[in-house]
Each structure stands twice: as C-alpha cells, then as structure tokens.
Amino acid sequence: MKAHGVTEVTEVTDADFEAEVLAERGRPVLVEFTADWCGPCRQLAPVLSAIAAEEAGRLKVVQIDADRNPATPARYGVLSMPTLLVFRDGEPVRQMVGARAKRRLLQELEDVLAAGVAAGAATPAAGATPAASA
C-alpha cells in the first residue's frame, strides 16, 4: 500500500512467491507475469492497479518480472507476456494471456471473486468453471 487510498500492485520474486502467493488463504491472488520490454504489460498496468484498489478485500494482485525471476514462470509454463494466473489456496485456478480492458478482466474474474465470497465453498479444479446452481 502506498499513500492513503492508493493501492499499488506488489512486486514479488522467485524468493518470496511462495509466501506472497501460494501461502495466501481466504482470497484469490492474481499474478501478472511481466517484463520490462513488454508493451501490452505496460498497457495492463493501470488496469491492474485499479482492480487492486477496488477489489483489495476480495483479490490480491501482484506482479512478477519473468526476466529477473525465471524459475516461477518456468514452474507454471508461462511463455508469453503478459500472462495472468489466478491462484486460490496455493493452486492455479485460471490462466489468461494478453492485455485486456478492465471490464473484460473483471468479467473473466467474476466467478473467481464470487467463489471467494462464499465462505467454505469448495475450490474448483484447475481450469474448471464452477457449475451453475439450479
């Protein structure tokens, strides 16, 4: 957190990825795999900052520089920048590749955020979409 009311996307490294992302419980973590040379990553930065501020209670947003921290992208098979991975309780549950508008990203995160609100809700398998209730 920066000055009053301003949330900044936290930068994580290979060294603290486990503590900052995998150990997080109670809310999903959105990880942006980025690089200094990546133009679409720069376009995505204000979108992620806005979402980090607006959804701070329901979603943790972090970024990791893939060039300076090669072990983590290799571990999750990240080949393109930007790649967004959503983790819940230490497990990846969603992957998105490429920059997108804030509205589209929020739509893609809707079920992840909703599942985080439901206390004690079962975590869907990686890549699975929660079934709609009848």
C-alpha atoms as a PDB file:
ATOM      1  CA  MET A   1       0.000   0.000   0.000  1.00  0.00           C
ATOM      2  CA  LYS A   2       1.142   3.478  -0.799  1.00  0.00           C
ATOM      3  CA  ALA A   3      -0.298   6.772   0.394  1.00  0.00           C
ATOM      4  CA  HIS A   4      -3.802   6.894   1.851  1.00  0.00           C
ATOM      5  CA  GLY A   5      -6.348   5.353  -0.525  1.00  0.00           C
ATOM      6  CA  VAL A   6      -3.823   4.343  -3.199  1.00  0.00           C
ATOM      7  CA  THR A   7      -3.102   0.652  -3.715  1.00  0.00           C
ATOM      8  CA  GLU A   8      -0.091  -0.385  -5.737  1.00  0.00           C
ATOM      9  CA  VAL A   9       0.398  -3.770  -7.351  1.00  0.00           C
ATOM     10  CA  THR A  10       3.023  -5.562  -5.242  1.00  0.00           C
ATOM     11  CA  GLU A  11       6.080  -6.954  -6.999  1.00  0.00           C
ATOM     12  CA  VAL A  12       7.024 -10.478  -5.969  1.00  0.00           C
ATOM     13  CA  THR A  13      10.129 -12.535  -6.761  1.00  0.00           C
ATOM     14  CA  ASP A  14      11.095 -16.184  -7.069  1.00  0.00           C
ATOM     15  CA  ALA A  15      12.292 -15.926  -3.454  1.00  0.00           C
ATOM     16  CA  ASP A  16       9.005 -14.686  -1.929  1.00  0.00           C
ATOM     17  CA  PHE A  17       6.459 -16.149  -4.391  1.00  0.00           C
ATOM     18  CA  GLU A  18       5.535 -18.962  -2.026  1.00  0.00           C
ATOM     19  CA  ALA A  19       4.963 -16.629   0.937  1.00  0.00           C
ATOM     20  CA  GLU A  20       3.170 -13.906  -1.055  1.00  0.00           C
ATOM     21  CA  VAL A  21       1.072 -16.076  -3.398  1.00  0.00           C
ATOM     22  CA  LEU A  22       0.980 -19.765  -2.511  1.00  0.00           C
ATOM     23  CA  ALA A  23       0.513 -19.222   1.234  1.00  0.00           C
ATOM     24  CA  GLU A  24      -2.362 -16.722   0.788  1.00  0.00           C
ATOM     25  CA  ARG A  25      -5.618 -18.084   2.174  1.00  0.00           C
ATOM     26  CA  GLY A  26      -9.099 -16.612   2.139  1.00  0.00           C
ATOM     27  CA  ARG A  27      -8.833 -14.620  -1.090  1.00  0.00           C
ATOM     28  CA  PRO A  28      -7.568 -15.412  -4.581  1.00  0.00           C
ATOM     29  CA  VAL A  29      -4.302 -13.948  -5.876  1.00  0.00           C
ATOM     30  CA  LEU A  30      -4.000 -12.551  -9.402  1.00  0.00           C
ATOM     31  CA  VAL A  31      -0.390 -12.795 -10.611  1.00  0.00           C
ATOM     32  CA  GLU A  32       0.771 -10.882 -13.678  1.00  0.00           C
ATOM     33  CA  PHE A  33       3.879 -12.321 -15.305  1.00  0.00           C
ATOM     34  CA  THR A  34       5.508  -9.303 -16.925  1.00  0.00           C
ATOM     35  CA  ALA A  35       8.757  -7.983 -18.428  1.00  0.00           C
ATOM     36  CA  ASP A  36      10.255  -4.525 -18.960  1.00  0.00           C
ATOM     37  CA  TRP A  37      10.234  -4.951 -22.755  1.00  0.00           C
ATOM     38  CA  CYS A  38       6.535  -5.932 -22.881  1.00  0.00           C
ATOM     39  CA  GLY A  39       4.323  -3.193 -24.357  1.00  0.00           C
ATOM     40  CA  PRO A  40       0.993  -4.925 -23.579  1.00  0.00           C
ATOM     41  CA  CYS A  41       2.187  -5.326 -19.963  1.00  0.00           C
ATOM     42  CA  ARG A  42       2.552  -1.538 -19.718  1.00  0.00           C
ATOM     43  CA  GLN A  43      -0.982  -1.153 -21.124  1.00  0.00           C
ATOM     44  CA  LEU A  44      -2.288  -3.558 -18.486  1.00  0.00           C
ATOM     45  CA  ALA A  45      -0.566  -1.812 -15.536  1.00  0.00           C
ATOM     46  CA  PRO A  46      -3.251   0.842 -14.870  1.00  0.00           C
ATOM     47  CA  VAL A  47      -5.991  -1.785 -15.215  1.00  0.00           C
ATOM     48  CA  LEU A  48      -4.350  -3.984 -12.587  1.00  0.00           C
ATOM     49  CA  SER A  49      -3.721  -1.016 -10.282  1.00  0.00           C
ATOM     50  CA  ALA A  50      -7.398  -0.043 -10.470  1.00  0.00           C
ATOM     51  CA  ILE A  51      -8.581  -3.599  -9.815  1.00  0.00           C
ATOM     52  CA  ALA A  52      -6.100  -3.961  -6.927  1.00  0.00           C
ATOM     53  CA  ALA A  53      -7.564  -0.830  -5.322  1.00  0.00           C
ATOM     54  CA  GLU A  54     -11.231  -1.640  -5.980  1.00  0.00           C
ATOM     55  CA  GLU A  55     -11.110  -5.343  -5.084  1.00  0.00           C
ATOM     56  CA  ALA A  56      -8.498  -5.253  -2.275  1.00  0.00           C
ATOM     57  CA  GLY A  57     -10.780  -7.096   0.153  1.00  0.00           C
ATOM     58  CA  ARG A  58     -11.615  -9.871  -2.325  1.00  0.00           C
ATOM     59  CA  LEU A  59      -8.490 -10.157  -4.503  1.00  0.00           C
ATOM     60  CA  LYS A  60      -4.750  -9.749  -4.004  1.00  0.00           C
ATOM     61  CA  VAL A  61      -2.927  -8.500  -7.120  1.00  0.00           C
ATOM     62  CA  VAL A  62       0.820  -8.993  -7.615  1.00  0.00           C
ATOM     63  CA  GLN A  63       3.285  -8.972 -10.483  1.00  0.00           C
ATOM     64  CA  ILE A  64       6.499 -10.854 -11.162  1.00  0.00           C
ATOM     65  CA  ASP A  65       9.182  -9.878 -13.670  1.00  0.00           C
ATOM     66  CA  ALA A  66       9.791 -13.014 -15.729  1.00  0.00           C
ATOM     67  CA  ASP A  67      13.270 -11.944 -16.865  1.00  0.00           C
ATOM     68  CA  ARG A  68      14.587 -11.266 -13.350  1.00  0.00           C
ATOM     69  CA  ASN A  69      12.717 -14.259 -11.828  1.00  0.00           C
ATOM     70  CA  PRO A  70      12.850 -17.111 -14.371  1.00  0.00           C
ATOM     71  CA  ALA A  71      12.095 -20.020 -12.014  1.00  0.00           C
ATOM     72  CA  THR A  72       8.468 -19.144 -11.295  1.00  0.00           C
ATOM     73  CA  PRO A  73       7.372 -18.645 -14.933  1.00  0.00           C
ATOM     74  CA  ALA A  74       9.124 -21.910 -15.838  1.00  0.00           C
ATOM     75  CA  ARG A  75       7.346 -23.708 -12.993  1.00  0.00           C
ATOM     76  CA  TYR A  76       3.932 -22.673 -14.365  1.00  0.00           C
ATOM     77  CA  GLY A  77       4.759 -22.961 -18.075  1.00  0.00           C
ATOM     78  CA  VAL A  78       4.493 -19.223 -18.758  1.00  0.00           C
ATOM     79  CA  LEU A  79       5.794 -18.474 -22.255  1.00  0.00           C
ATOM     80  CA  SER A  80       4.003 -15.228 -23.217  1.00  0.00           C
ATOM     81  CA  MET A  81       3.781 -11.812 -21.587  1.00  0.00           C
ATOM     82  CA  PRO A  82       1.562 -10.720 -20.065  1.00  0.00           C
ATOM     83  CA  THR A  83       0.201 -13.923 -18.594  1.00  0.00           C
ATOM     84  CA  LEU A  84      -2.268 -13.648 -15.739  1.00  0.00           C
ATOM     85  CA  LEU A  85      -2.608 -16.589 -13.365  1.00  0.00           C
ATOM     86  CA  VAL A  86      -5.182 -16.708 -10.594  1.00  0.00           C
ATOM     87  CA  PHE A  87      -4.274 -18.762  -7.533  1.00  0.00           C
ATOM     88  CA  ARG A  88      -6.667 -19.910  -4.826  1.00  0.00           C
ATOM     89  CA  ASP A  89      -5.279 -21.548  -1.697  1.00  0.00           C
ATOM     90  CA  GLY A  90      -1.921 -22.107  -3.388  1.00  0.00           C
ATOM     91  CA  GLU A  91      -3.261 -23.676  -6.589  1.00  0.00           C
ATOM     92  CA  PRO A  92      -3.622 -22.081 -10.042  1.00  0.00           C
ATOM     93  CA  VAL A  93      -7.312 -21.984 -10.989  1.00  0.00           C
ATOM     94  CA  ARG A  94      -7.345 -19.713 -14.062  1.00  0.00           C
ATOM     95  CA  GLN A  95      -4.922 -18.557 -16.757  1.00  0.00           C
ATOM     96  CA  MET A  96      -5.327 -15.654 -19.189  1.00  0.00           C
ATOM     97  CA  VAL A  97      -2.806 -14.478 -21.774  1.00  0.00           C
ATOM     98  CA  GLY A  98      -2.613 -10.949 -23.187  1.00  0.00           C
ATOM     99  CA  ALA A  99      -3.692  -7.470 -22.191  1.00  0.00           C
ATOM    100  CA  ARG A 100      -7.391  -6.736 -21.782  1.00  0.00           C
ATOM    101  CA  ALA A 101      -9.688  -3.925 -20.780  1.00  0.00           C
ATOM    102  CA  LYS A 102     -10.684  -3.569 -17.128  1.00  0.00           C
ATOM    103  CA  ARG A 103     -14.313  -4.510 -17.794  1.00  0.00           C
ATOM    104  CA  ARG A 104     -13.344  -7.680 -19.660  1.00  0.00           C
ATOM    105  CA  LEU A 105     -10.853  -8.704 -16.965  1.00  0.00           C
ATOM    106  CA  LEU A 106     -13.444  -8.184 -14.224  1.00  0.00           C
ATOM    107  CA  GLN A 107     -15.913 -10.315 -16.211  1.00  0.00           C
ATOM    108  CA  GLU A 108     -13.306 -13.072 -16.521  1.00  0.00           C
ATOM    109  CA  LEU A 109     -12.623 -12.869 -12.777  1.00  0.00           C
ATOM    110  CA  GLU A 110     -16.310 -12.761 -11.769  1.00  0.00           C
ATOM    111  CA  ASP A 111     -16.654 -16.439 -10.821  1.00  0.00           C
ATOM    112  CA  VAL A 112     -13.297 -16.425  -9.004  1.00  0.00           C
ATOM    113  CA  LEU A 113     -14.326 -13.388  -6.951  1.00  0.00           C
ATOM    114  CA  ALA A 114     -17.804 -14.773  -6.285  1.00  0.00           C
ATOM    115  CA  ALA A 115     -16.383 -18.111  -5.121  1.00  0.00           C
ATOM    116  CA  GLY A 116     -14.068 -16.267  -2.746  1.00  0.00           C
ATOM    117  CA  VAL A 117     -17.075 -14.608  -1.106  1.00  0.00           C
ATOM    118  CA  ALA A 118     -18.880 -17.891  -0.439  1.00  0.00           C
ATOM    119  CA  ALA A 119     -17.436 -18.986   2.886  1.00  0.00           C
ATOM    120  CA  GLY A 120     -16.347 -22.589   2.859  1.00  0.00           C
ATOM    121  CA  ALA A 121     -17.108 -23.005  -0.833  1.00  0.00           C
ATOM    122  CA  ALA A 122     -15.347 -25.904  -2.500  1.00  0.00           C
ATOM    123  CA  THR A 123     -12.476 -24.885  -4.760  1.00  0.00           C
ATOM    124  CA  PRO A 124     -12.997 -25.962  -8.383  1.00  0.00           C
ATOM    125  CA  ALA A 125     -10.270 -27.985 -10.067  1.00  0.00           C
ATOM    126  CA  ALA A 126      -7.705 -26.053 -12.061  1.00  0.00           C
ATOM    127  CA  GLY A 127      -9.267 -24.730 -15.239  1.00  0.00           C
ATOM    128  CA  ALA A 128     -12.758 -25.793 -14.171  1.00  0.00           C
ATOM    129  CA  THR A 129     -15.677 -23.423 -14.132  1.00  0.00           C
ATOM    130  CA  PRO A 130     -17.967 -23.707 -11.122  1.00  0.00           C
ATOM    131  CA  ALA A 131     -21.293 -25.318 -12.043  1.00  0.00           C
ATOM    132  CA  ALA A 132     -24.326 -23.062 -12.069  1.00  0.00           C
ATOM    133  CA  SER A 133     -26.795 -23.913  -9.331  1.00  0.00           C
ATOM    134  CA  ALA A 134     -30.281 -24.897 -10.444  1.00  0.00           C
END
